[in-house]
Each structure stands twice: as C-alpha cells, then as structure tokens.
C-alpha atoms as a PDB file:
ATOM      1  CA  UNK A   1       0.588  19.486 -25.964  1.00  0.00           C
ATOM      2  CA  UNK A   2       1.874  17.275 -23.897  1.00  0.00           C
ATOM      3  CA  UNK A   3       3.516  18.238 -21.209  1.00  0.00           C
ATOM      4  CA  UNK A   4       2.570  15.748 -18.056  1.00  0.00           C
ATOM      5  CA  UNK A   5       2.183  11.727 -19.162  1.00  0.00           C
ATOM      6  CA  UNK A   6       0.319  11.069 -15.269  1.00  0.00           C
ATOM      7  CA  UNK A   7      -2.309  12.891 -13.222  1.00  0.00           C
ATOM      8  CA  UNK A   8      -2.221  12.688  -9.812  1.00  0.00           C
ATOM      9  CA  UNK A   9      -5.770  13.816  -7.815  1.00  0.00           C
ATOM     10  CA  UNK A  10      -5.627  14.808  -4.286  1.00  0.00           C
ATOM     11  CA  UNK A  11      -8.960  15.240  -2.132  1.00  0.00           C
ATOM     12  CA  UNK A  12      -9.131  16.131   1.726  1.00  0.00           C
ATOM     13  CA  UNK A  13      -6.687  16.268   3.127  1.00  0.00           C
ATOM     14  CA  UNK A  14      -4.029  15.840   0.107  1.00  0.00           C
ATOM     15  CA  UNK A  15      -3.483  19.568  -1.193  1.00  0.00           C
ATOM     16  CA  UNK A  16      -0.122  18.794  -2.474  1.00  0.00           C
ATOM     17  CA  UNK A  17       2.912  16.749  -2.798  1.00  0.00           C
ATOM     18  CA  UNK A  18       6.300  17.685  -1.469  1.00  0.00           C
ATOM     19  CA  UNK A  19       8.087  15.334  -3.799  1.00  0.00           C
ATOM     20  CA  UNK A  20       7.458  17.508  -6.803  1.00  0.00           C
ATOM     21  CA  UNK A  21      10.585  19.328  -8.382  1.00  0.00           C
ATOM     22  CA  UNK A  22      10.705  22.137 -11.159  1.00  0.00           C
ATOM     23  CA  UNK A  23       7.251  22.974 -10.315  1.00  0.00           C
ATOM     24  CA  UNK A  24       5.537  25.466 -12.583  1.00  0.00           C
ATOM     25  CA  UNK A  25       1.707  26.487 -11.801  1.00  0.00           C
ATOM     26  CA  UNK A  26      -0.569  25.558 -15.260  1.00  0.00           C
ATOM     27  CA  UNK A  27      -3.904  27.488 -15.474  1.00  0.00           C
ATOM     28  CA  UNK A  28      -6.630  26.001 -17.715  1.00  0.00           C
ATOM     29  CA  UNK A  29      -9.823  27.660 -19.554  1.00  0.00           C
ATOM     30  CA  UNK A  30     -11.904  24.248 -20.822  1.00  0.00           C
ATOM     31  CA  UNK A  31     -15.158  24.566 -22.599  1.00  0.00           C
ATOM     32  CA  UNK A  32     -16.425  23.370 -19.172  1.00  0.00           C
ATOM     33  CA  UNK A  33     -15.218  25.736 -17.338  1.00  0.00           C
ATOM     34  CA  UNK A  34     -12.518  26.843 -15.053  1.00  0.00           C
ATOM     35  CA  UNK A  35     -10.687  23.453 -12.978  1.00  0.00           C
ATOM     36  CA  UNK A  36     -10.793  23.515  -9.157  1.00  0.00           C
ATOM     37  CA  UNK A  37      -7.591  24.876  -9.264  1.00  0.00           C
ATOM     38  CA  UNK A  38      -4.465  25.566 -11.145  1.00  0.00           C
ATOM     39  CA  UNK A  39      -2.503  22.321 -11.993  1.00  0.00           C
ATOM     40  CA  UNK A  40       0.878  22.013 -10.119  1.00  0.00           C
ATOM     41  CA  UNK A  41       3.002  20.491 -12.785  1.00  0.00           C
ATOM     42  CA  UNK A  42       6.588  19.221 -11.770  1.00  0.00           C
ATOM     43  CA  UNK A  43       8.687  16.104 -11.522  1.00  0.00           C
ATOM     44  CA  UNK A  44       8.273  13.367  -9.380  1.00  0.00           C
ATOM     45  CA  UNK A  45      11.001  10.196 -10.089  1.00  0.00           C
ATOM     46  CA  UNK A  46      11.540  12.186 -13.116  1.00  0.00           C
ATOM     47  CA  UNK A  47       8.811  12.039 -14.477  1.00  0.00           C
ATOM     48  CA  UNK A  48       6.432  15.174 -15.025  1.00  0.00           C
ATOM     49  CA  UNK A  49       3.222  15.125 -13.207  1.00  0.00           C
ATOM     50  CA  UNK A  50       0.285  17.159 -12.852  1.00  0.00           C
ATOM     51  CA  UNK A  51      -1.005  17.428  -9.469  1.00  0.00           C
ATOM     52  CA  UNK A  52      -4.471  18.549  -8.659  1.00  0.00           C
ATOM     53  CA  UNK A  53      -6.587  19.670  -5.500  1.00  0.00           C
ATOM     54  CA  UNK A  54     -10.237  18.096  -6.339  1.00  0.00           C
ATOM     55  CA  UNK A  55     -11.562  20.257  -3.261  1.00  0.00           C
ATOM     56  CA  UNK A  56      -8.958  23.919  -4.524  1.00  0.00           C
ATOM     57  CA  UNK A  57      -6.575  24.686  -2.138  1.00  0.00           C
ATOM     58  CA  UNK A  58      -7.844  25.690   1.262  1.00  0.00           C
ATOM     59  CA  UNK A  59     -10.727  23.386   0.681  1.00  0.00           C
ATOM     60  CA  UNK A  60     -13.165  25.436  -1.480  1.00  0.00           C
ATOM     61  CA  UNK A  61     -15.721  23.619  -3.169  1.00  0.00           C
ATOM     62  CA  UNK A  62     -17.834  21.173  -1.831  1.00  0.00           C
ATOM     63  CA  UNK A  63     -18.631  17.525  -3.854  1.00  0.00           C
ATOM     64  CA  UNK A  64     -21.779  18.799  -5.616  1.00  0.00           C
ATOM     65  CA  UNK A  65     -19.738  21.478  -6.739  1.00  0.00           C
ATOM     66  CA  UNK A  66     -16.959  20.306  -8.226  1.00  0.00           C
ATOM     67  CA  UNK A  67     -16.224  21.271 -11.807  1.00  0.00           C
ATOM     68  CA  UNK A  68     -15.435  17.226 -12.799  1.00  0.00           C
ATOM     69  CA  UNK A  69     -15.580  17.842 -15.749  1.00  0.00           C
ATOM     70  CA  UNK A  70     -13.132  20.562 -16.350  1.00  0.00           C
ATOM     71  CA  UNK A  71     -11.498  18.731 -14.153  1.00  0.00           C
ATOM     72  CA  UNK A  72     -10.679  15.194 -16.018  1.00  0.00           C
ATOM     73  CA  UNK A  73     -10.195  17.613 -19.575  1.00  0.00           C
ATOM     74  CA  UNK A  74      -7.903  20.003 -18.293  1.00  0.00           C
ATOM     75  CA  UNK A  75      -5.860  16.537 -17.925  1.00  0.00           C
ATOM     76  CA  UNK A  76      -6.171  15.268 -21.232  1.00  0.00           C
ATOM     77  CA  UNK A  77      -5.346  19.005 -22.792  1.00  0.00           C
ATOM     78  CA  UNK A  78      -1.842  18.583 -20.018  1.00  0.00           C
ATOM     79  CA  UNK A  79      -1.411  15.469 -22.337  1.00  0.00           C
ATOM     80  CA  UNK A  80      -2.705  12.695 -18.882  1.00  0.00           C
ATOM     81  CA  UNK A  81      -2.487   9.441 -19.881  1.00  0.00           C
ATOM     82  CA  UNK A  82      -3.012   7.564 -16.353  1.00  0.00           C
ATOM     83  CA  UNK A  83      -4.959   8.875 -13.606  1.00  0.00           C
ATOM     84  CA  UNK A  84      -3.874   8.473  -9.939  1.00  0.00           C
ATOM     85  CA  UNK A  85      -7.299   9.452  -7.524  1.00  0.00           C
ATOM     86  CA  UNK A  86      -6.984  10.148  -3.868  1.00  0.00           C
ATOM     87  CA  UNK A  87     -10.143  10.187  -2.069  1.00  0.00           C
ATOM     88  CA  UNK A  88     -10.830  10.050   1.753  1.00  0.00           C
ATOM     89  CA  UNK A  89     -14.042   7.382   2.363  1.00  0.00           C
ATOM     90  CA  UNK A  90     -15.556   5.611   5.268  1.00  0.00           C
ATOM     91  CA  UNK A  91     -15.851   2.089   6.051  1.00  0.00           C
ATOM     92  CA  UNK A  92     -18.932  -0.313   5.575  1.00  0.00           C
ATOM     93  CA  UNK A  93     -18.018  -3.015   6.219  1.00  0.00           C
ATOM     94  CA  UNK A  94     -15.671  -3.962   9.406  1.00  0.00           C
ATOM     95  CA  UNK A  95     -12.458  -5.402   7.900  1.00  0.00           C
ATOM     96  CA  UNK A  96     -11.700  -2.060   6.615  1.00  0.00           C
ATOM     97  CA  UNK A  97     -10.643  -0.331   9.286  1.00  0.00           C
ATOM     98  CA  UNK A  98      -9.639   3.298  10.045  1.00  0.00           C
ATOM     99  CA  UNK A  99      -6.424   3.950   8.231  1.00  0.00           C
ATOM    100  CA  UNK A 100      -6.459   0.954   5.969  1.00  0.00           C
ATOM    101  CA  UNK A 101      -6.423   1.608   2.031  1.00  0.00           C
ATOM    102  CA  UNK A 102      -7.967  -0.141  -0.194  1.00  0.00           C
ATOM    103  CA  UNK A 103      -8.525   0.200  -3.781  1.00  0.00           C
ATOM    104  CA  UNK A 104     -11.826  -0.489  -5.255  1.00  0.00           C
ATOM    105  CA  UNK A 105     -12.633  -2.358  -8.190  1.00  0.00           C
ATOM    106  CA  UNK A 106     -16.280  -0.835  -8.687  1.00  0.00           C
ATOM    107  CA  UNK A 107     -18.666   2.148  -8.407  1.00  0.00           C
ATOM    108  CA  UNK A 108     -22.088   2.551  -7.151  1.00  0.00           C
ATOM    109  CA  UNK A 109     -23.984   5.891  -8.126  1.00  0.00           C
ATOM    110  CA  UNK A 110     -25.772   7.192  -5.134  1.00  0.00           C
ATOM    111  CA  UNK A 111     -25.744  10.567  -6.556  1.00  0.00           C
ATOM    112  CA  UNK A 112     -28.746  13.028  -7.396  1.00  0.00           C
ATOM    113  CA  UNK A 113     -27.472  16.246  -8.961  1.00  0.00           C
ATOM    114  CA  UNK A 114     -24.712  16.005 -10.793  1.00  0.00           C
ATOM    115  CA  UNK A 115     -26.109  14.766 -14.078  1.00  0.00           C
ATOM    116  CA  UNK A 116     -24.368  17.639 -15.948  1.00  0.00           C
ATOM    117  CA  UNK A 117     -20.967  16.795 -14.741  1.00  0.00           C
ATOM    118  CA  UNK A 118     -21.044  13.229 -15.297  1.00  0.00           C
ATOM    119  CA  UNK A 119     -20.056  12.525 -19.184  1.00  0.00           C
ATOM    120  CA  UNK A 120     -18.806  14.893 -21.683  1.00  0.00           C
ATOM    121  CA  UNK A 121     -21.308  14.200 -24.532  1.00  0.00           C
ATOM    122  CA  UNK A 122     -24.777  15.973 -25.148  1.00  0.00           C
ATOM    123  CA  UNK A 123     -25.484  18.037 -27.563  1.00  0.00           C
ATOM    124  CA  UNK A 124     -25.794  16.336 -30.665  1.00  0.00           C
ATOM    125  CA  UNK A 125     -22.837  13.825 -30.304  1.00  0.00           C
ATOM    126  CA  UNK A 126     -23.842  10.113 -28.124  1.00  0.00           C
ATOM    127  CA  UNK A 127     -21.596   8.359 -26.902  1.00  0.00           C
ATOM    128  CA  UNK A 128     -22.062   5.170 -24.548  1.00  0.00           C
ATOM    129  CA  UNK A 129     -18.462   3.730 -23.448  1.00  0.00           C
ATOM    130  CA  UNK A 130     -18.738   0.651 -21.418  1.00  0.00           C
ATOM    131  CA  UNK A 131     -18.308   0.671 -17.930  1.00  0.00           C
ATOM    132  CA  UNK A 132     -18.074  -2.357 -16.437  1.00  0.00           C
ATOM    133  CA  UNK A 133     -15.271  -2.491 -15.277  1.00  0.00           C
ATOM    134  CA  UNK A 134     -14.237   1.135 -14.342  1.00  0.00           C
ATOM    135  CA  UNK A 135     -10.544   0.962 -12.670  1.00  0.00           C
ATOM    136  CA  UNK A 136      -7.836   0.451 -14.915  1.00  0.00           C
ATOM    137  CA  UNK A 137      -6.199  -2.795 -13.264  1.00  0.00           C
ATOM    138  CA  UNK A 138      -3.094  -2.858 -14.594  1.00  0.00           C
ATOM    139  CA  UNK A 139      -2.697   0.930 -12.885  1.00  0.00           C
ATOM    140  CA  UNK A 140      -4.744  -1.167  -9.382  1.00  0.00           C
ATOM    141  CA  UNK A 141      -1.971  -3.766  -9.474  1.00  0.00           C
ATOM    142  CA  UNK A 142       0.672  -1.331  -9.554  1.00  0.00           C
ATOM    143  CA  UNK A 143      -0.611   1.108  -6.944  1.00  0.00           C
ATOM    144  CA  UNK A 144      -1.584  -1.941  -4.775  1.00  0.00           C
ATOM    145  CA  UNK A 145       1.982  -2.817  -5.228  1.00  0.00           C
ATOM    146  CA  UNK A 146       3.244   0.387  -4.474  1.00  0.00           C
ATOM    147  CA  UNK A 147       0.874   0.409  -1.156  1.00  0.00           C
ATOM    148  CA  UNK A 148       3.168  -3.013  -0.272  1.00  0.00           C
ATOM    149  CA  UNK A 149       6.250  -1.516  -0.954  1.00  0.00           C
ATOM    150  CA  UNK A 150       6.234   2.276   0.603  1.00  0.00           C
ATOM    151  CA  UNK A 151       4.188   1.656   3.578  1.00  0.00           C
ATOM    152  CA  UNK A 152       3.451  -0.625   6.390  1.00  0.00           C
ATOM    153  CA  UNK A 153      -0.169   0.239   6.077  1.00  0.00           C
ATOM    154  CA  UNK A 154      -3.360  -2.234   5.150  1.00  0.00           C
ATOM    155  CA  UNK A 155      -3.805  -2.414   1.990  1.00  0.00           C
ATOM    156  CA  UNK A 156      -6.932  -4.316   0.464  1.00  0.00           C
ATOM    157  CA  UNK A 157      -7.311  -4.792  -3.232  1.00  0.00           C
ATOM    158  CA  UNK A 158     -10.772  -5.055  -4.758  1.00  0.00           C
ATOM    159  CA  UNK A 159     -14.232  -3.603  -3.506  1.00  0.00           C
ATOM    160  CA  UNK A 160     -17.571  -1.476  -4.397  1.00  0.00           C
ATOM    161  CA  UNK A 161     -17.288   2.502  -3.510  1.00  0.00           C
ATOM    162  CA  UNK A 162     -20.359   4.544  -2.871  1.00  0.00           C
ATOM    163  CA  UNK A 163     -20.392   7.142  -4.645  1.00  0.00           C
ATOM    164  CA  UNK A 164     -23.193   9.556  -2.053  1.00  0.00           C
ATOM    165  CA  UNK A 165     -24.277  13.007  -3.289  1.00  0.00           C
ATOM    166  CA  UNK A 166     -23.393  15.048   0.557  1.00  0.00           C
ATOM    167  CA  UNK A 167     -21.977  17.279   1.539  1.00  0.00           C
ATOM    168  CA  UNK A 168     -23.528  15.589   4.822  1.00  0.00           C
ATOM    169  CA  UNK A 169     -22.660  12.014   5.545  1.00  0.00           C
ATOM    170  CA  UNK A 170     -24.934   9.082   6.307  1.00  0.00           C
ATOM    171  CA  UNK A 171     -28.016   8.684   8.548  1.00  0.00           C
ATOM    172  CA  UNK A 172     -28.328   5.551   9.953  1.00  0.00           C
ATOM    173  CA  UNK A 173     -30.817   4.051   7.906  1.00  0.00           C
ATOM    174  CA  UNK A 174     -28.760   4.848   5.123  1.00  0.00           C
ATOM    175  CA  UNK A 175     -25.430   3.958   6.204  1.00  0.00           C
ATOM    176  CA  UNK A 176     -27.445  -0.054   6.920  1.00  0.00           C
ATOM    177  CA  UNK A 177     -28.674  -0.275   4.025  1.00  0.00           C
ATOM    178  CA  UNK A 178     -25.525   0.210   1.914  1.00  0.00           C
ATOM    179  CA  UNK A 179     -23.886  -2.318   4.494  1.00  0.00           C
ATOM    180  CA  UNK A 180     -26.664  -4.900   3.625  1.00  0.00           C
ATOM    181  CA  UNK A 181     -26.385  -4.339  -0.308  1.00  0.00           C
ATOM    182  CA  UNK A 182     -22.332  -5.104  -0.575  1.00  0.00           C
ATOM    183  CA  UNK A 183     -20.782  -2.054  -0.411  1.00  0.00           C
ATOM    184  CA  UNK A 184     -17.545  -1.736   0.627  1.00  0.00           C
ATOM    185  CA  UNK A 185     -16.861   2.112   1.063  1.00  0.00           C
ATOM    186  CA  UNK A 186     -17.970   5.273   1.072  1.00  0.00           C
ATOM    187  CA  UNK A 187     -17.160   8.501  -0.776  1.00  0.00           C
ATOM    188  CA  UNK A 188     -18.391  11.748  -2.730  1.00  0.00           C
ATOM    189  CA  UNK A 189     -16.251  12.064  -5.734  1.00  0.00           C
ATOM    190  CA  UNK A 190     -14.801   8.972  -7.279  1.00  0.00           C
ATOM    191  CA  UNK A 191     -17.662   7.754  -9.121  1.00  0.00           C
ATOM    192  CA  UNK A 192     -17.510  11.242 -12.131  1.00  0.00           C
ATOM    193  CA  UNK A 193     -14.543  11.670 -12.347  1.00  0.00           C
ATOM    194  CA  UNK A 194     -13.738   7.693 -13.202  1.00  0.00           C
ATOM    195  CA  UNK A 195     -16.656   7.634 -15.806  1.00  0.00           C
ATOM    196  CA  UNK A 196     -15.199  10.819 -17.189  1.00  0.00           C
ATOM    197  CA  UNK A 197     -11.887   9.085 -17.514  1.00  0.00           C
ATOM    198  CA  UNK A 198     -12.938   6.252 -19.623  1.00  0.00           C
ATOM    199  CA  UNK A 199     -14.728   8.237 -22.101  1.00  0.00           C
ATOM    200  CA  UNK A 200     -11.264  10.872 -22.463  1.00  0.00           C
ATOM    201  CA  UNK A 201      -9.581   7.845 -22.886  1.00  0.00           C
ATOM    202  CA  UNK A 202      -7.583   8.638 -19.292  1.00  0.00           C
ATOM    203  CA  UNK A 203      -6.428   4.932 -17.189  1.00  0.00           C
ATOM    204  CA  UNK A 204      -8.103   5.736 -13.410  1.00  0.00           C
ATOM    205  CA  UNK A 205      -8.005   4.165 -10.409  1.00  0.00           C
ATOM    206  CA  UNK A 206      -8.466   5.128  -7.027  1.00  0.00           C
ATOM    207  CA  UNK A 207      -6.646   4.518  -3.454  1.00  0.00           C
ATOM    208  CA  UNK A 208      -9.268   5.037  -1.177  1.00  0.00           C
ATOM    209  CA  UNK A 209      -8.197   6.329   2.645  1.00  0.00           C
ATOM    210  CA  UNK A 210     -10.376   5.079   4.943  1.00  0.00           C
ATOM    211  CA  UNK A 211     -10.922   8.046   8.052  1.00  0.00           C
ATOM    212  CA  UNK A 212     -13.479   6.177   9.676  1.00  0.00           C
ATOM    213  CA  UNK A 213     -16.482   3.736  10.503  1.00  0.00           C
ATOM    214  CA  UNK A 214     -19.430   5.757   9.066  1.00  0.00           C
ATOM    215  CA  UNK A 215     -22.106   5.728  11.562  1.00  0.00           C
ATOM    216  CA  UNK A 216     -23.182   2.063  11.318  1.00  0.00           C
ATOM    217  CA  UNK A 217     -20.615   0.578  13.724  1.00  0.00           C
ATOM    218  CA  UNK A 218     -21.670   0.206  17.537  1.00  0.00           C
ATOM    219  CA  UNK A 219     -17.907   0.501  18.812  1.00  0.00           C
ATOM    220  CA  UNK A 220     -17.571   3.753  17.478  1.00  0.00           C
ATOM    221  CA  UNK A 221     -19.414   7.324  17.736  1.00  0.00           C
ATOM    222  CA  UNK A 222     -20.930   8.491  14.636  1.00  0.00           C
ATOM    223  CA  UNK A 223     -18.806  10.085  12.173  1.00  0.00           C
ATOM    224  CA  UNK A 224     -17.402  13.771  13.001  1.00  0.00           C
ATOM    225  CA  UNK A 225     -15.251  16.479  11.082  1.00  0.00           C
ATOM    226  CA  UNK A 226     -12.813  16.050  13.819  1.00  0.00           C
ATOM    227  CA  UNK A 227     -13.004  12.081  13.356  1.00  0.00           C
ATOM    228  CA  UNK A 228     -12.305  12.509  10.039  1.00  0.00           C
ATOM    229  CA  UNK A 229      -9.496  15.156   9.913  1.00  0.00           C
ATOM    230  CA  UNK A 230      -7.700  13.062  12.637  1.00  0.00           C
ATOM    231  CA  UNK A 231      -7.199   9.862  10.568  1.00  0.00           C
ATOM    232  CA  UNK A 232      -6.894  12.611   6.947  1.00  0.00           C
ATOM    233  CA  UNK A 233      -3.955  13.865   8.687  1.00  0.00           C
ATOM    234  CA  UNK A 234      -2.124  10.370   9.567  1.00  0.00           C
ATOM    235  CA  UNK A 235      -3.472   8.818   6.005  1.00  0.00           C
ATOM    236  CA  UNK A 236      -1.542  12.321   3.842  1.00  0.00           C
ATOM    237  CA  UNK A 237       1.826  11.072   4.683  1.00  0.00           C
ATOM    238  CA  UNK A 238       0.981   7.637   3.879  1.00  0.00           C
ATOM    239  CA  UNK A 239      -0.912   8.383   0.240  1.00  0.00           C
ATOM    240  CA  UNK A 240       2.007  10.989  -0.658  1.00  0.00           C
ATOM    241  CA  UNK A 241       4.504   8.076  -0.393  1.00  0.00           C
ATOM    242  CA  UNK A 242       2.624   5.922  -2.336  1.00  0.00           C
ATOM    243  CA  UNK A 243       1.851   8.298  -5.190  1.00  0.00           C
ATOM    244  CA  UNK A 244       5.478   8.271  -5.216  1.00  0.00           C
ATOM    245  CA  UNK A 245       6.283   4.918  -5.548  1.00  0.00           C
ATOM    246  CA  UNK A 246       3.584   4.525  -7.856  1.00  0.00           C
ATOM    247  CA  UNK A 247       4.790   6.920 -10.513  1.00  0.00           C
ATOM    248  CA  UNK A 248       8.513   5.250  -9.679  1.00  0.00           C
ATOM    249  CA  UNK A 249       6.893   1.925 -11.205  1.00  0.00           C
ATOM    250  CA  UNK A 250       4.677   3.753 -13.864  1.00  0.00           C
ATOM    251  CA  UNK A 251       7.547   5.452 -15.405  1.00  0.00           C
ATOM    252  CA  UNK A 252       8.361   4.669 -19.321  1.00  0.00           C
ATOM    253  CA  UNK A 253       5.041   1.697 -18.645  1.00  0.00           C
ATOM    254  CA  UNK A 254       3.483   1.439 -21.963  1.00  0.00           C
ATOM    255  CA  UNK A 255      -0.418   0.785 -21.962  1.00  0.00           C
ATOM    256  CA  UNK A 256      -1.387  -2.175 -22.956  1.00  0.00           C
ATOM    257  CA  UNK A 257      -4.864  -2.152 -21.357  1.00  0.00           C
ATOM    258  CA  UNK A 258      -8.347  -1.320 -23.509  1.00  0.00           C
ATOM    259  CA  UNK A 259      -8.682   2.257 -21.835  1.00  0.00           C
ATOM    260  CA  UNK A 260      -6.886   4.308 -24.477  1.00  0.00           C
ATOM    261  CA  UNK A 261      -9.313   3.050 -26.941  1.00  0.00           C
ATOM    262  CA  UNK A 262     -12.545   3.502 -24.937  1.00  0.00           C
ATOM    263  CA  UNK A 263     -14.244   5.686 -27.968  1.00  0.00           C
ATOM    264  CA  UNK A 264     -13.787   3.504 -30.908  1.00  0.00           C
ATOM    265  CA  UNK A 265     -17.163   1.557 -30.966  1.00  0.00           C
ATOM    266  CA  UNK A 266     -18.732   4.451 -28.505  1.00  0.00           C
ATOM    267  CA  UNK A 267     -19.742   6.760 -30.839  1.00  0.00           C
ATOM    268  CA  UNK A 268     -22.913   6.524 -32.081  1.00  0.00           C
ATOM    269  CA  UNK A 269     -24.084   9.745 -33.586  1.00  0.00           C
ATOM    270  CA  UNK A 270     -23.015   9.503 -37.650  1.00  0.00           C
ATOM    271  CA  UNK A 271     -19.678  12.263 -37.950  1.00  0.00           C
ATOM    272  CA  UNK A 272     -21.681  13.482 -40.466  1.00  0.00           C
ATOM    273  CA  UNK A 273     -24.153  14.965 -38.140  1.00  0.00           C
ATOM    274  CA  UNK A 274     -22.101  16.267 -35.461  1.00  0.00           C
ATOM    275  CA  UNK A 275     -22.494  19.774 -34.797  1.00  0.00           C
ATOM    276  CA  UNK A 276     -19.653  21.796 -35.048  1.00  0.00           C
ATOM    277  CA  UNK A 277     -19.819  24.008 -32.130  1.00  0.00           C
ATOM    278  CA  UNK A 278     -19.962  19.982 -30.140  1.00  0.00           C
ATOM    279  CA  UNK A 279     -17.288  18.627 -31.940  1.00  0.00           C
ATOM    280  CA  UNK A 280     -15.109  21.711 -31.379  1.00  0.00           C
ATOM    281  CA  UNK A 281     -15.876  20.908 -27.291  1.00  0.00           C
ATOM    282  CA  UNK A 282     -14.806  18.028 -27.316  1.00  0.00           C
ATOM    283  CA  UNK A 283     -11.864  18.226 -30.335  1.00  0.00           C
ATOM    284  CA  UNK A 284      -9.018  16.981 -27.106  1.00  0.00           C
ATOM    285  CA  UNK A 285     -11.314  13.527 -26.903  1.00  0.00           C
ATOM    286  CA  UNK A 286     -12.724  12.722 -30.261  1.00  0.00           C
ATOM    287  CA  UNK A 287      -9.741  14.241 -32.483  1.00  0.00           C
ATOM    288  CA  UNK A 288      -8.638  11.409 -33.108  1.00  0.00           C
ATOM    289  CA  UNK A 289     -12.029   9.747 -34.375  1.00  0.00           C
ATOM    290  CA  UNK A 290     -12.955  12.136 -37.061  1.00  0.00           C
ATOM    291  CA  UNK A 291     -12.570  11.477 -40.411  1.00  0.00           C
ATOM    292  CA  UNK A 292      -9.402  13.068 -42.083  1.00  0.00           C
ATOM    293  CA  UNK A 293      -7.580  14.054 -38.403  1.00  0.00           C
ATOM    294  CA  UNK A 294      -4.380  12.687 -39.405  1.00  0.00           C
ATOM    295  CA  UNK A 295      -4.513  13.596 -42.986  1.00  0.00           C
END
C-alpha cells in the first residue's frame, strides 16, 4: 500500500507536527514486532506524510530499547521513499554551538547491544549493502536549503555523527577520545535507522539539533538533563519549520539517487536457497528482486 511517500521520525522533544492536516493514526504490526508508536499520517504542504515519534509519545523507550527494524519496516509498508530524521545531539567540536543544526553525512558506530536491530537480513538470506555514503545527498541538499529558508538558525552541512549506546551520557574521557578521533556530534539513535533505511531502499537524512557541548567543554557544565530539555524546547519549533519546508521542496520531486536500488547487487544468497519463512518476512523489501514477482 502507498499511504505516504515521505516519513518523518521525531526524536527527543519532537513528538508531533502541528501543521499536519487530515490526520489518522495507523497502527502496524510488522514481522519485526510493533513500531515505537502509531504512525501519525496526515497531509503536510499537500503531501501525505507519515510521522513517527521515535521514543513513543511520552518518551517511553530508551535508545537501546527502540524497535528500529519495526520502525523502518513500518515506513516501508506505508510506501515511504524518503525519511527525514530529527535527532537531539551533543557537540564534540567548538564550531557546533547549542541551538545550531547539523546535517551529518557520516556515521560512526559505538553501540554494543543492537546487532539484532542493525539489519533486516539473516536467517538464511545474506545481503551486504553499500554504506560508504550513508546519507542521501539529494535529501541532504534539500534539507540544507530548507534550513536556510525556514529559520535563522546556523546550519552546518557535513560531519560525522557518533552513535553511542547510552542511555547515560559520555564520560569526559570518552568525550575527549571522540574529539581526537575527529567526530563532530554525538547521539544515540541514528546509525541503526540509516543502515536499515538503506537496506529498505529508502532515502535517509538526519537533522541533528545541537543541545549541548557534551561534557568536554571547559566553559560549560557537564551535560545535564535540564540543559538538554531547555535547548530541546528552543529547537523543536525550528525543527518543525524546517521539516515543513523540506516536505514542500520534496513534493513531486523524482528520486535520481541510488538509494532506491541499494539491494540490486547486495543479496548474496542464491534465490533458490531462500528459506520460505525469511522470504515472507522480508517481502516488503525483497519482493521486487524475486524471480517472477512481477509476472
């Protein structure tokens, strides 16, 4: 089914899009369980959009508990082709100040307990997608333009998002190491989303909302929940405006990137060896690659 072409995943503080019209809640069950919450499907700038609060309404799920596979598979079931992800992050470099926006183009994985939530494949079907460039440049370009049009917030294009396990924030030692590695911002959620979106052949880009300087900055107190919430509240409305403008710019725009064909040469297992149960589980993702699927 095609319910929405664009998906928005809202992170900490961004639990709704007030401009959505003709709203309906869509609850899905996927082969990977239930998503974080019901999808809020509505019309935004004349476009049908599926919004999902990443942590559930009321912020009920910690980063390690998130059903990443169910969330992205649910987007696929709804017909989503592009995902815009909003995410609160800490800054690891001086130039990214609190209230700035960053559109990272790289990810670095420091998670430890999410192997089962980092790929749809396994159980008899092996796939290795290309992930050198994990963000869709086309969507990133439009997101950057939308940032400049919709707000006066300083936006930075490019940089590396380090994805840590959480839920605790970094120690000073960890923060200093990440800085020396050349990491730019730090968060707890977007790496798995980006990997799964690529496997699902969905374009993906992150709007990272800087809330603090992590705990390395000598002129600032160690990151606290109070500080994060204060800056989140200031950033949420800007993020909503940016998402609105991005959707407007994406409306009717054809995909010319390679994201929609990411699996074309990635599935390594001979089709006559695909287990029936796994094939059925992955149907929304691999159907078009099954011999005779369109006959």
